[in-house]
Amino acid sequence: PLSLPAPGERPRLLTVHAHPDDESSKGAA
């Protein structure tokens, strides 16, 4: 079942990239 956020839980984002530098040229801001 869906694990919806608990009270006080911080939003969490995971980004998946191929190489070092991709994380800075794609979505870094």
PDB file of all heavy atoms in Angstrom:
ATOM      1  N   PRO A   1       0.835  -1.201   0.000  1.00  0.00           N
ATOM      2  CA  PRO A   1       0.000   0.000   0.000  1.00  0.00           C
ATOM      3  C   PRO A   1       0.867   1.247   0.000  1.00  0.00           C
ATOM      4  O   PRO A   1       2.019   1.224   0.432  1.00  0.00           O
ATOM      5  CB  PRO A   1      -0.797  -0.140   1.314  1.00  0.00           C
ATOM      6  CG  PRO A   1      -0.746  -1.598   1.649  1.00  0.00           C
ATOM      7  CD  PRO A   1       0.563  -2.097   1.124  1.00  0.00           C
ATOM      8  N   LEU A   2       0.288   2.363  -0.465  1.00  0.00           N
ATOM      9  CA  LEU A   2       1.049   3.609  -0.541  1.00  0.00           C
ATOM     10  C   LEU A   2       1.543   4.026   0.839  1.00  0.00           C
ATOM     11  O   LEU A   2       0.813   3.959   1.824  1.00  0.00           O
ATOM     12  CB  LEU A   2       0.187   4.727  -1.121  1.00  0.00           C
ATOM     13  CG  LEU A   2      -0.224   4.606  -2.573  1.00  0.00           C
ATOM     14  CD1 LEU A   2      -0.909   5.888  -3.025  1.00  0.00           C
ATOM     15  CD2 LEU A   2       0.965   4.306  -3.462  1.00  0.00           C
ATOM     16  N   SER A   3       2.802   4.459   0.881  1.00  0.00           N
ATOM     17  CA  SER A   3       3.378   4.984   2.115  1.00  0.00           C
ATOM     18  C   SER A   3       3.334   6.508   2.023  1.00  0.00           C
ATOM     19  O   SER A   3       4.258   7.137   1.509  1.00  0.00           O
ATOM     20  CB  SER A   3       4.816   4.490   2.286  1.00  0.00           C
ATOM     21  OG  SER A   3       4.847   3.082   2.428  1.00  0.00           O
ATOM     22  N   LEU A   4       2.257   7.088   2.497  1.00  0.00           N
ATOM     23  CA  LEU A   4       2.114   8.532   2.460  1.00  0.00           C
ATOM     24  C   LEU A   4       2.926   9.157   3.589  1.00  0.00           C
ATOM     25  O   LEU A   4       3.223   8.496   4.587  1.00  0.00           O
ATOM     26  CB  LEU A   4       0.645   8.917   2.556  1.00  0.00           C
ATOM     27  CG  LEU A   4      -0.228   8.417   1.404  1.00  0.00           C
ATOM     28  CD1 LEU A   4      -1.688   8.751   1.644  1.00  0.00           C
ATOM     29  CD2 LEU A   4       0.237   8.998   0.067  1.00  0.00           C
ATOM     30  N   PRO A   5       3.315  10.412   3.454  1.00  0.00           N
ATOM     31  CA  PRO A   5       4.195  11.022   4.452  1.00  0.00           C
ATOM     32  C   PRO A   5       3.591  11.035   5.850  1.00  0.00           C
ATOM     33  O   PRO A   5       2.395  11.301   6.034  1.00  0.00           O
ATOM     34  CB  PRO A   5       4.387  12.444   3.928  1.00  0.00           C
ATOM     35  CG  PRO A   5       4.100  12.358   2.465  1.00  0.00           C
ATOM     36  CD  PRO A   5       3.048  11.317   2.327  1.00  0.00           C
ATOM     37  N   ALA A   6       4.424  10.741   6.840  1.00  0.00           N
ATOM     38  CA  ALA A   6       4.018  10.836   8.238  1.00  0.00           C
ATOM     39  C   ALA A   6       4.064  12.292   8.681  1.00  0.00           C
ATOM     40  O   ALA A   6       4.718  13.127   8.046  1.00  0.00           O
ATOM     41  CB  ALA A   6       4.952   9.986   9.102  1.00  0.00           C
ATOM     42  N   PRO A   7       3.362  12.638   9.772  1.00  0.00           N
ATOM     43  CA  PRO A   7       3.430  14.013  10.277  1.00  0.00           C
ATOM     44  C   PRO A   7       4.876  14.449  10.515  1.00  0.00           C
ATOM     45  O   PRO A   7       5.653  13.729  11.136  1.00  0.00           O
ATOM     46  CB  PRO A   7       2.639  13.936  11.587  1.00  0.00           C
ATOM     47  CG  PRO A   7       1.679  12.807  11.387  1.00  0.00           C
ATOM     48  CD  PRO A   7       2.424  11.803  10.559  1.00  0.00           C
ATOM     49  N   GLY A   8       5.229  15.602  10.005  1.00  0.00           N
ATOM     50  CA  GLY A   8       6.565  16.139  10.186  1.00  0.00           C
ATOM     51  C   GLY A   8       7.615  15.588   9.248  1.00  0.00           C
ATOM     52  O   GLY A   8       8.777  16.003   9.306  1.00  0.00           O
ATOM     53  N   GLU A   9       7.245  14.660   8.376  1.00  0.00           N
ATOM     54  CA  GLU A   9       8.226  14.056   7.471  1.00  0.00           C
ATOM     55  C   GLU A   9       8.645  15.046   6.393  1.00  0.00           C
ATOM     56  O   GLU A   9       7.825  15.772   5.832  1.00  0.00           O
ATOM     57  CB  GLU A   9       7.620  12.812   6.821  1.00  0.00           C
ATOM     58  CG  GLU A   9       8.605  11.994   6.015  1.00  0.00           C
ATOM     59  CD  GLU A   9       8.028  10.661   5.573  1.00  0.00           C
ATOM     60  OE1 GLU A   9       6.847  10.383   5.871  1.00  0.00           O
ATOM     61  OE2 GLU A   9       8.754   9.894   4.913  1.00  0.00           O
ATOM     62  N   ARG A  10       9.955  15.081   6.098  1.00  0.00           N
ATOM     63  CA  ARG A  10      10.471  15.988   5.083  1.00  0.00           C
ATOM     64  C   ARG A  10      10.319  15.363   3.696  1.00  0.00           C
ATOM     65  O   ARG A  10      10.501  14.149   3.530  1.00  0.00           O
ATOM     66  CB  ARG A  10      11.943  16.292   5.347  1.00  0.00           C
ATOM     67  CG  ARG A  10      12.191  17.062   6.627  1.00  0.00           C
ATOM     68  CD  ARG A  10      13.644  17.019   7.008  1.00  0.00           C
ATOM     69  NE  ARG A  10      14.495  17.697   6.024  1.00  0.00           N
ATOM     70  CZ  ARG A  10      15.821  17.623   6.019  1.00  0.00           C
ATOM     71  NH1 ARG A  10      16.456  16.888   6.928  1.00  0.00           N
ATOM     72  NH2 ARG A  10      16.528  18.283   5.119  1.00  0.00           N
ATOM     73  N   PRO A  11      10.004  16.168   2.676  1.00  0.00           N
ATOM     74  CA  PRO A  11       9.957  15.647   1.307  1.00  0.00           C
ATOM     75  C   PRO A  11      11.335  15.145   0.874  1.00  0.00           C
ATOM     76  O   PRO A  11      12.359  15.771   1.170  1.00  0.00           O
ATOM     77  CB  PRO A  11       9.531  16.865   0.479  1.00  0.00           C
ATOM     78  CG  PRO A  11       8.894  17.803   1.454  1.00  0.00           C
ATOM     79  CD  PRO A  11       9.628  17.598   2.732  1.00  0.00           C
ATOM     80  N   ARG A  12      11.339  14.041   0.142  1.00  0.00           N
ATOM     81  CA  ARG A  12      12.596  13.442  -0.301  1.00  0.00           C
ATOM     82  C   ARG A  12      12.560  13.242  -1.822  1.00  0.00           C
ATOM     83  O   ARG A  12      11.607  12.689  -2.364  1.00  0.00           O
ATOM     84  CB  ARG A  12      12.850  12.101   0.402  1.00  0.00           C
ATOM     85  CG  ARG A  12      13.143  12.252   1.886  1.00  0.00           C
ATOM     86  CD  ARG A  12      13.541  10.926   2.526  1.00  0.00           C
ATOM     87  NE  ARG A  12      12.457   9.957   2.494  1.00  0.00           N
ATOM     88  CZ  ARG A  12      11.506   9.862   3.423  1.00  0.00           C
ATOM     89  NH1 ARG A  12      11.484  10.698   4.456  1.00  0.00           N
ATOM     90  NH2 ARG A  12      10.564   8.946   3.324  1.00  0.00           N
ATOM     91  N   LEU A  13      13.629  13.697  -2.458  1.00  0.00           N
ATOM     92  CA  LEU A  13      13.774  13.624  -3.913  1.00  0.00           C
ATOM     93  C   LEU A  13      15.028  12.840  -4.250  1.00  0.00           C
ATOM     94  O   LEU A  13      16.106  13.108  -3.703  1.00  0.00           O
ATOM     95  CB  LEU A  13      13.891  15.038  -4.490  1.00  0.00           C
ATOM     96  CG  LEU A  13      14.287  15.165  -5.962  1.00  0.00           C
ATOM     97  CD1 LEU A  13      13.208  14.600  -6.871  1.00  0.00           C
ATOM     98  CD2 LEU A  13      14.571  16.628  -6.318  1.00  0.00           C
ATOM     99  N   LEU A  14      14.899  11.879  -5.170  1.00  0.00           N
ATOM    100  CA  LEU A  14      16.039  11.128  -5.679  1.00  0.00           C
ATOM    101  C   LEU A  14      16.160  11.387  -7.170  1.00  0.00           C
ATOM    102  O   LEU A  14      15.181  11.254  -7.913  1.00  0.00           O
ATOM    103  CB  LEU A  14      15.869   9.629  -5.409  1.00  0.00           C
ATOM    104  CG  LEU A  14      17.015   8.715  -5.829  1.00  0.00           C
ATOM    105  CD1 LEU A  14      17.136   7.540  -4.862  1.00  0.00           C
ATOM    106  CD2 LEU A  14      16.839   8.170  -7.247  1.00  0.00           C
ATOM    107  N   THR A  15      17.353  11.786  -7.617  1.00  0.00           N
ATOM    108  CA  THR A  15      17.600  11.973  -9.049  1.00  0.00           C
ATOM    109  C   THR A  15      18.647  10.962  -9.493  1.00  0.00           C
ATOM    110  O   THR A  15      19.626  10.715  -8.782  1.00  0.00           O
ATOM    111  CB  THR A  15      18.065  13.402  -9.365  1.00  0.00           C
ATOM    112  OG1 THR A  15      19.373  13.631  -8.821  1.00  0.00           O
ATOM    113  CG2 THR A  15      17.097  14.425  -8.796  1.00  0.00           C
ATOM    114  N   VAL A  16      18.441  10.377 -10.665  1.00  0.00           N
ATOM    115  CA  VAL A  16      19.308   9.318 -11.161  1.00  0.00           C
ATOM    116  C   VAL A  16      20.003   9.796 -12.428  1.00  0.00           C
ATOM    117  O   VAL A  16      19.346  10.195 -13.398  1.00  0.00           O
ATOM    118  CB  VAL A  16      18.516   8.025 -11.461  1.00  0.00           C
ATOM    119  CG1 VAL A  16      19.476   6.865 -11.723  1.00  0.00           C
ATOM    120  CG2 VAL A  16      17.581   7.677 -10.308  1.00  0.00           C
ATOM    121  N   HIS A  17      21.349   9.750 -12.416  1.00  0.00           N
ATOM    122  CA  HIS A  17      22.148  10.249 -13.533  1.00  0.00           C
ATOM    123  C   HIS A  17      23.171   9.217 -13.974  1.00  0.00           C
ATOM    124  O   HIS A  17      23.527   8.305 -13.220  1.00  0.00           O
ATOM    125  CB  HIS A  17      22.846  11.551 -13.142  1.00  0.00           C
ATOM    126  CG  HIS A  17      21.894  12.675 -12.922  1.00  0.00           C
ATOM    127  ND1 HIS A  17      21.317  13.368 -13.964  1.00  0.00           N
ATOM    128  CD2 HIS A  17      21.391  13.212 -11.782  1.00  0.00           C
ATOM    129  CE1 HIS A  17      20.507  14.299 -13.475  1.00  0.00           C
ATOM    130  NE2 HIS A  17      20.535  14.217 -12.157  1.00  0.00           N
ATOM    131  N   ALA A  18      23.655   9.393 -15.196  1.00  0.00           N
ATOM    132  CA  ALA A  18      24.573   8.426 -15.784  1.00  0.00           C
ATOM    133  C   ALA A  18      26.011   8.655 -15.353  1.00  0.00           C
ATOM    134  O   ALA A  18      26.731   7.696 -15.025  1.00  0.00           O
ATOM    135  CB  ALA A  18      24.475   8.462 -17.306  1.00  0.00           C
ATOM    136  N   HIS A  19      26.469   9.914 -15.371  1.00  0.00           N
ATOM    137  CA  HIS A  19      27.879  10.238 -15.149  1.00  0.00           C
ATOM    138  C   HIS A  19      28.004  11.418 -14.191  1.00  0.00           C
ATOM    139  O   HIS A  19      27.097  12.244 -14.118  1.00  0.00           O
ATOM    140  CB  HIS A  19      28.555  10.643 -16.478  1.00  0.00           C
ATOM    141  CG  HIS A  19      28.324   9.708 -17.598  1.00  0.00           C
ATOM    142  ND1 HIS A  19      27.479   9.999 -18.655  1.00  0.00           N
ATOM    143  CD2 HIS A  19      28.831   8.472 -17.837  1.00  0.00           C
ATOM    144  CE1 HIS A  19      27.476   8.970 -19.503  1.00  0.00           C
ATOM    145  NE2 HIS A  19      28.278   8.038 -19.037  1.00  0.00           N
ATOM    146  N   PRO A  20      29.136  11.547 -13.508  1.00  0.00           N
ATOM    147  CA  PRO A  20      29.397  12.777 -12.780  1.00  0.00           C
ATOM    148  C   PRO A  20      29.476  13.951 -13.762  1.00  0.00           C
ATOM    149  O   PRO A  20      30.150  13.849 -14.785  1.00  0.00           O
ATOM    150  CB  PRO A  20      30.748  12.509 -12.097  1.00  0.00           C
ATOM    151  CG  PRO A  20      31.378  11.390 -12.882  1.00  0.00           C
ATOM    152  CD  PRO A  20      30.246  10.573 -13.412  1.00  0.00           C
ATOM    153  N   ASP A  21      28.796  14.979 -13.463  1.00  0.00           N
ATOM    154  CA  ASP A  21      28.533  16.236 -14.187  1.00  0.00           C
ATOM    155  C   ASP A  21      27.104  16.296 -14.699  1.00  0.00           C
ATOM    156  O   ASP A  21      26.549  17.375 -14.878  1.00  0.00           O
ATOM    157  CB  ASP A  21      29.523  16.568 -15.307  1.00  0.00           C
ATOM    158  CG  ASP A  21      29.352  15.782 -16.596  1.00  0.00           C
ATOM    159  OD1 ASP A  21      28.320  15.942 -17.263  1.00  0.00           O
ATOM    160  OD2 ASP A  21      30.272  15.025 -16.942  1.00  0.00           O
ATOM    161  N   ASP A  22      26.456  15.133 -14.961  1.00  0.00           N
ATOM    162  CA  ASP A  22      25.069  15.159 -15.420  1.00  0.00           C
ATOM    163  C   ASP A  22      24.157  15.809 -14.384  1.00  0.00           C
ATOM    164  O   ASP A  22      23.202  16.494 -14.737  1.00  0.00           O
ATOM    165  CB  ASP A  22      24.570  13.746 -15.728  1.00  0.00           C
ATOM    166  CG  ASP A  22      25.186  13.152 -16.984  1.00  0.00           C
ATOM    167  OD1 ASP A  22      25.457  13.912 -17.927  1.00  0.00           O
ATOM    168  OD2 ASP A  22      25.404  11.926 -17.017  1.00  0.00           O
ATOM    169  N   GLU A  23      24.451  15.585 -13.108  1.00  0.00           N
ATOM    170  CA  GLU A  23      23.611  16.152 -12.055  1.00  0.00           C
ATOM    171  C   GLU A  23      23.689  17.674 -12.010  1.00  0.00           C
ATOM    172  O   GLU A  23      22.787  18.340 -11.479  1.00  0.00           O
ATOM    173  CB  GLU A  23      23.990  15.557 -10.692  1.00  0.00           C
ATOM    174  CG  GLU A  23      25.144  16.238  -9.972  1.00  0.00           C
ATOM    175  CD  GLU A  23      26.474  16.199 -10.717  1.00  0.00           C
ATOM    176  OE1 GLU A  23      26.751  15.201 -11.417  1.00  0.00           O
ATOM    177  OE2 GLU A  23      27.256  17.171 -10.596  1.00  0.00           O
ATOM    178  N   SER A  24      24.781  18.234 -12.577  1.00  0.00           N
ATOM    179  CA  SER A  24      24.955  19.691 -12.564  1.00  0.00           C
ATOM    180  C   SER A  24      24.458  20.350 -13.843  1.00  0.00           C
ATOM    181  O   SER A  24      24.176  21.551 -13.843  1.00  0.00           O
ATOM    182  CB  SER A  24      26.432  20.032 -12.340  1.00  0.00           C
ATOM    183  OG  SER A  24      26.862  19.595 -11.068  1.00  0.00           O
ATOM    184  N   SER A  25      24.327  19.598 -14.912  1.00  0.00           N
ATOM    185  CA  SER A  25      23.826  20.153 -16.172  1.00  0.00           C
ATOM    186  C   SER A  25      22.353  19.859 -16.391  1.00  0.00           C
ATOM    187  O   SER A  25      21.750  20.387 -17.334  1.00  0.00           O
ATOM    188  CB  SER A  25      24.633  19.593 -17.361  1.00  0.00           C
ATOM    189  OG  SER A  25      24.517  18.185 -17.439  1.00  0.00           O
ATOM    190  N   LYS A  26      21.751  19.040 -15.532  1.00  0.00           N
ATOM    191  CA  LYS A  26      20.356  18.627 -15.705  1.00  0.00           C
ATOM    192  C   LYS A  26      19.629  18.703 -14.362  1.00  0.00           C
ATOM    193  O   LYS A  26      19.776  17.833 -13.521  1.00  0.00           O
ATOM    194  CB  LYS A  26      20.286  17.206 -16.261  1.00  0.00           C
ATOM    195  CG  LYS A  26      21.018  17.025 -17.585  1.00  0.00           C
ATOM    196  CD  LYS A  26      21.193  15.561 -17.936  1.00  0.00           C
ATOM    197  CE  LYS A  26      22.010  15.402 -19.207  1.00  0.00           C
ATOM    198  NZ  LYS A  26      23.406  15.888 -19.038  1.00  0.00           N
ATOM    199  N   GLY A  27      18.869  19.759 -14.184  1.00  0.00           N
ATOM    200  CA  GLY A  27      18.036  19.872 -12.991  1.00  0.00           C
ATOM    201  C   GLY A  27      18.755  20.314 -11.736  1.00  0.00           C
ATOM    202  O   GLY A  27      18.217  20.174 -10.634  1.00  0.00           O
ATOM    203  N   ALA A  28      19.950  20.892 -11.874  1.00  0.00           N
ATOM    204  CA  ALA A  28      20.737  21.229 -10.692  1.00  0.00           C
ATOM    205  C   ALA A  28      20.131  22.374  -9.890  1.00  0.00           C
ATOM    206  O   ALA A  28      20.209  22.381  -8.655  1.00  0.00           O
ATOM    207  CB  ALA A  28      22.163  21.587 -11.097  1.00  0.00           C
ATOM    208  N   ALA A  29      19.556  23.366 -10.560  1.00  0.00           N
ATOM    209  CA  ALA A  29      18.946  24.471  -9.818  1.00  0.00           C
ATOM    210  C   ALA A  29      17.736  23.985  -9.021  1.00  0.00           C
ATOM    211  O   ALA A  29      17.475  24.475  -7.917  1.00  0.00           O
ATOM    212  CB  ALA A  29      18.543  25.588 -10.774  1.00  0.00           C
TER     213      ALA A  29
END
